N, C-alpha and C. Protein backbone atom coordinates (compact mmCIF):
# COMPACT_ATOMS: atom_id res chain seq x y z
N MET A 1 -33.50 -15.50 -24.00
CA MET A 1 -32.99 -16.47 -23.05
C MET A 1 -31.71 -17.14 -23.58
N GLU A 2 -31.67 -17.39 -24.88
CA GLU A 2 -30.48 -18.00 -25.47
C GLU A 2 -29.27 -17.08 -25.36
N THR A 3 -29.53 -15.77 -25.47
CA THR A 3 -28.43 -14.80 -25.36
C THR A 3 -27.83 -14.84 -23.96
N LEU A 4 -28.67 -14.93 -22.95
CA LEU A 4 -28.19 -14.99 -21.57
C LEU A 4 -27.37 -16.26 -21.34
N ILE A 5 -27.81 -17.36 -21.88
CA ILE A 5 -27.07 -18.62 -21.74
C ILE A 5 -25.74 -18.53 -22.50
N ALA A 6 -25.75 -17.89 -23.64
CA ALA A 6 -24.52 -17.75 -24.42
C ALA A 6 -23.51 -16.83 -23.74
N LEU A 7 -23.99 -15.82 -23.03
CA LEU A 7 -23.10 -14.87 -22.35
C LEU A 7 -22.71 -15.33 -20.95
N SER A 8 -23.34 -16.35 -20.43
CA SER A 8 -23.06 -16.78 -19.06
C SER A 8 -21.59 -17.17 -18.82
N PRO A 9 -20.90 -17.86 -19.74
CA PRO A 9 -19.48 -18.13 -19.49
C PRO A 9 -18.64 -16.85 -19.39
N LEU A 10 -18.96 -15.89 -20.22
CA LEU A 10 -18.24 -14.63 -20.18
C LEU A 10 -18.51 -13.88 -18.87
N LEU A 11 -19.75 -13.85 -18.46
CA LEU A 11 -20.11 -13.21 -17.19
C LEU A 11 -19.47 -13.92 -16.01
N LEU A 12 -19.46 -15.23 -16.04
CA LEU A 12 -18.82 -16.02 -14.99
C LEU A 12 -17.33 -15.73 -14.92
N MET A 13 -16.69 -15.61 -16.08
CA MET A 13 -15.26 -15.30 -16.13
C MET A 13 -14.98 -13.94 -15.50
N PHE A 14 -15.79 -12.92 -15.81
CA PHE A 14 -15.59 -11.60 -15.22
C PHE A 14 -15.83 -11.62 -13.71
N LEU A 15 -16.81 -12.37 -13.26
CA LEU A 15 -17.09 -12.49 -11.83
C LEU A 15 -15.92 -13.14 -11.10
N LEU A 16 -15.39 -14.22 -11.66
CA LEU A 16 -14.25 -14.88 -11.04
C LEU A 16 -13.01 -14.00 -11.03
N MET A 17 -12.79 -13.26 -12.12
CA MET A 17 -11.65 -12.35 -12.17
C MET A 17 -11.79 -11.27 -11.10
N TRP A 18 -12.99 -10.77 -10.91
CA TRP A 18 -13.20 -9.74 -9.89
C TRP A 18 -12.95 -10.32 -8.50
N LEU A 19 -13.44 -11.53 -8.24
CA LEU A 19 -13.30 -12.14 -6.92
C LEU A 19 -11.85 -12.48 -6.58
N PHE A 20 -11.09 -12.97 -7.56
CA PHE A 20 -9.75 -13.46 -7.27
C PHE A 20 -8.62 -12.49 -7.57
N ILE A 21 -8.87 -11.46 -8.37
CA ILE A 21 -7.79 -10.55 -8.75
C ILE A 21 -8.07 -9.12 -8.29
N ILE A 22 -9.17 -8.56 -8.71
CA ILE A 22 -9.43 -7.14 -8.49
C ILE A 22 -9.75 -6.84 -7.02
N ARG A 23 -10.63 -7.61 -6.42
CA ARG A 23 -11.04 -7.34 -5.03
C ARG A 23 -9.87 -7.44 -4.04
N PRO A 24 -9.04 -8.49 -4.08
CA PRO A 24 -7.90 -8.54 -3.15
C PRO A 24 -6.91 -7.39 -3.38
N ALA A 25 -6.70 -7.00 -4.64
CA ALA A 25 -5.79 -5.89 -4.92
C ALA A 25 -6.32 -4.58 -4.34
N GLN A 26 -7.64 -4.37 -4.43
CA GLN A 26 -8.24 -3.17 -3.85
C GLN A 26 -8.10 -3.18 -2.33
N LYS A 27 -8.26 -4.33 -1.70
CA LYS A 27 -8.11 -4.43 -0.25
C LYS A 27 -6.68 -4.10 0.18
N ARG A 28 -5.68 -4.66 -0.55
CA ARG A 28 -4.28 -4.37 -0.23
C ARG A 28 -3.98 -2.90 -0.39
N GLN A 29 -4.49 -2.29 -1.46
CA GLN A 29 -4.26 -0.87 -1.70
C GLN A 29 -4.87 -0.02 -0.59
N LYS A 30 -6.04 -0.39 -0.13
CA LYS A 30 -6.71 0.35 0.94
C LYS A 30 -5.95 0.23 2.26
N THR A 31 -5.47 -0.97 2.60
CA THR A 31 -4.73 -1.13 3.86
C THR A 31 -3.38 -0.41 3.80
N THR A 32 -2.74 -0.40 2.64
CA THR A 32 -1.47 0.32 2.50
C THR A 32 -1.68 1.83 2.64
N ALA A 33 -2.72 2.35 2.01
CA ALA A 33 -3.01 3.79 2.13
C ALA A 33 -3.35 4.15 3.56
N ASN A 34 -4.06 3.28 4.26
CA ASN A 34 -4.41 3.54 5.65
C ASN A 34 -3.15 3.55 6.52
N MET A 35 -2.25 2.59 6.30
CA MET A 35 -0.99 2.53 7.05
C MET A 35 -0.17 3.79 6.81
N GLN A 36 -0.10 4.24 5.55
CA GLN A 36 0.70 5.42 5.23
C GLN A 36 0.10 6.69 5.85
N SER A 37 -1.19 6.75 5.98
CA SER A 37 -1.81 7.95 6.56
C SER A 37 -1.70 7.97 8.08
N GLU A 38 -1.48 6.81 8.71
CA GLU A 38 -1.40 6.73 10.16
C GLU A 38 0.03 6.73 10.69
N LEU A 39 1.01 7.03 9.84
CA LEU A 39 2.40 7.07 10.30
C LEU A 39 2.58 8.18 11.32
N LYS A 40 3.41 7.90 12.33
CA LYS A 40 3.68 8.90 13.37
C LYS A 40 5.16 8.84 13.75
N ARG A 41 5.58 9.84 14.43
CA ARG A 41 6.98 9.95 14.85
C ARG A 41 7.34 8.76 15.74
N GLY A 42 8.50 8.16 15.47
CA GLY A 42 8.97 7.03 16.26
C GLY A 42 8.70 5.67 15.63
N ASP A 43 7.85 5.60 14.61
CA ASP A 43 7.58 4.33 13.95
C ASP A 43 8.82 3.86 13.19
N ARG A 44 9.10 2.57 13.28
CA ARG A 44 10.18 2.00 12.49
C ARG A 44 9.57 1.51 11.19
N ILE A 45 10.15 1.92 10.07
CA ILE A 45 9.55 1.66 8.76
C ILE A 45 10.58 1.08 7.79
N VAL A 46 10.05 0.54 6.69
CA VAL A 46 10.86 0.08 5.56
C VAL A 46 10.26 0.73 4.32
N THR A 47 11.12 1.33 3.48
CA THR A 47 10.65 1.97 2.26
C THR A 47 10.52 0.93 1.15
N ILE A 48 9.92 1.32 0.03
CA ILE A 48 9.77 0.39 -1.08
C ILE A 48 11.13 0.02 -1.68
N GLY A 49 12.14 0.81 -1.41
CA GLY A 49 13.49 0.51 -1.88
C GLY A 49 14.27 -0.37 -0.93
N GLY A 50 13.68 -0.68 0.25
CA GLY A 50 14.33 -1.55 1.21
C GLY A 50 15.12 -0.83 2.28
N LEU A 51 15.01 0.49 2.35
CA LEU A 51 15.74 1.27 3.34
C LEU A 51 15.00 1.22 4.68
N HIS A 52 15.72 0.84 5.74
CA HIS A 52 15.13 0.77 7.08
C HIS A 52 15.45 2.07 7.83
N GLY A 53 14.50 2.56 8.57
CA GLY A 53 14.71 3.78 9.34
C GLY A 53 13.60 4.01 10.34
N GLN A 54 13.70 5.15 11.02
CA GLN A 54 12.71 5.53 12.02
C GLN A 54 12.14 6.89 11.63
N VAL A 55 10.81 7.02 11.73
CA VAL A 55 10.15 8.26 11.35
C VAL A 55 10.57 9.35 12.32
N ASP A 56 11.08 10.45 11.79
CA ASP A 56 11.53 11.58 12.58
C ASP A 56 10.48 12.68 12.58
N ALA A 57 9.87 12.93 11.42
CA ALA A 57 8.84 13.97 11.31
C ALA A 57 7.87 13.58 10.21
N VAL A 58 6.64 14.07 10.35
CA VAL A 58 5.59 13.76 9.38
C VAL A 58 5.04 15.07 8.85
N ASP A 59 4.99 15.19 7.52
CA ASP A 59 4.42 16.36 6.86
C ASP A 59 3.19 15.90 6.09
N ASP A 60 2.54 16.81 5.38
CA ASP A 60 1.35 16.43 4.63
C ASP A 60 1.63 15.35 3.59
N THR A 61 2.65 15.55 2.79
CA THR A 61 2.94 14.59 1.71
C THR A 61 4.28 13.90 1.87
N THR A 62 5.10 14.33 2.83
CA THR A 62 6.43 13.75 2.98
C THR A 62 6.64 13.22 4.39
N ILE A 63 7.59 12.32 4.49
CA ILE A 63 8.00 11.72 5.75
C ILE A 63 9.51 11.91 5.86
N TYR A 64 9.97 12.35 7.01
CA TYR A 64 11.40 12.47 7.27
C TYR A 64 11.79 11.29 8.15
N ILE A 65 12.79 10.52 7.69
CA ILE A 65 13.22 9.38 8.48
C ILE A 65 14.69 9.53 8.85
N THR A 66 15.04 8.93 9.96
CA THR A 66 16.42 8.92 10.42
C THR A 66 16.97 7.52 10.21
N VAL A 67 18.14 7.45 9.58
CA VAL A 67 18.79 6.16 9.35
C VAL A 67 20.09 6.16 10.13
N ALA A 68 20.99 5.25 9.84
CA ALA A 68 22.24 5.09 10.57
C ALA A 68 23.00 6.40 10.71
N ASP A 69 23.65 6.56 11.85
CA ASP A 69 24.49 7.72 12.17
C ASP A 69 23.71 9.03 12.16
N GLY A 70 22.41 8.99 12.37
CA GLY A 70 21.61 10.20 12.47
C GLY A 70 21.33 10.89 11.15
N THR A 71 21.58 10.23 10.05
CA THR A 71 21.30 10.81 8.74
C THR A 71 19.79 10.94 8.57
N ARG A 72 19.35 12.13 8.19
CA ARG A 72 17.92 12.41 8.03
C ARG A 72 17.60 12.48 6.54
N MET A 73 16.58 11.71 6.12
CA MET A 73 16.22 11.65 4.71
C MET A 73 14.74 11.97 4.56
N GLN A 74 14.40 12.51 3.40
CA GLN A 74 13.02 12.89 3.11
C GLN A 74 12.45 11.96 2.04
N PHE A 75 11.24 11.41 2.30
CA PHE A 75 10.57 10.51 1.36
C PHE A 75 9.12 10.93 1.21
N GLU A 76 8.53 10.56 0.08
CA GLU A 76 7.10 10.72 -0.11
C GLU A 76 6.40 9.66 0.73
N ARG A 77 5.18 9.95 1.17
CA ARG A 77 4.41 8.97 1.95
C ARG A 77 4.23 7.67 1.18
N GLN A 78 4.02 7.76 -0.12
CA GLN A 78 3.77 6.56 -0.93
C GLN A 78 5.01 5.66 -1.02
N ALA A 79 6.18 6.15 -0.61
CA ALA A 79 7.39 5.34 -0.66
C ALA A 79 7.55 4.44 0.55
N ILE A 80 6.66 4.53 1.52
CA ILE A 80 6.73 3.70 2.71
C ILE A 80 6.01 2.40 2.44
N ALA A 81 6.73 1.28 2.54
CA ALA A 81 6.14 -0.02 2.23
C ALA A 81 5.44 -0.64 3.43
N ARG A 82 6.10 -0.58 4.60
CA ARG A 82 5.48 -1.19 5.78
C ARG A 82 6.10 -0.64 7.06
N VAL A 83 5.37 -0.85 8.15
CA VAL A 83 5.83 -0.48 9.48
C VAL A 83 6.36 -1.75 10.13
N VAL A 84 7.56 -1.68 10.71
CA VAL A 84 8.18 -2.84 11.35
C VAL A 84 7.84 -2.80 12.83
N GLU A 85 7.38 -3.91 13.34
CA GLU A 85 7.02 -4.00 14.78
C GLU A 85 8.25 -4.26 15.61
């Protein structure tokens, strides 16, 4: 019983770390992966580098986007940060 009481601060610290750090990060990662898998032609997007464009074509692992003056660029799906409404 003394061992459990002695370890309780350590266990509490790990529980709090999981609740405030790990769990929210996992949720963000899951929503980002879901957004990247649901990309479709015509979506306006922003890449992790800050490039704005419109999805032109979707492949298994790559996304083709059109930027200013009809320039077509190829990016990995993981490079898409968000969809702009």
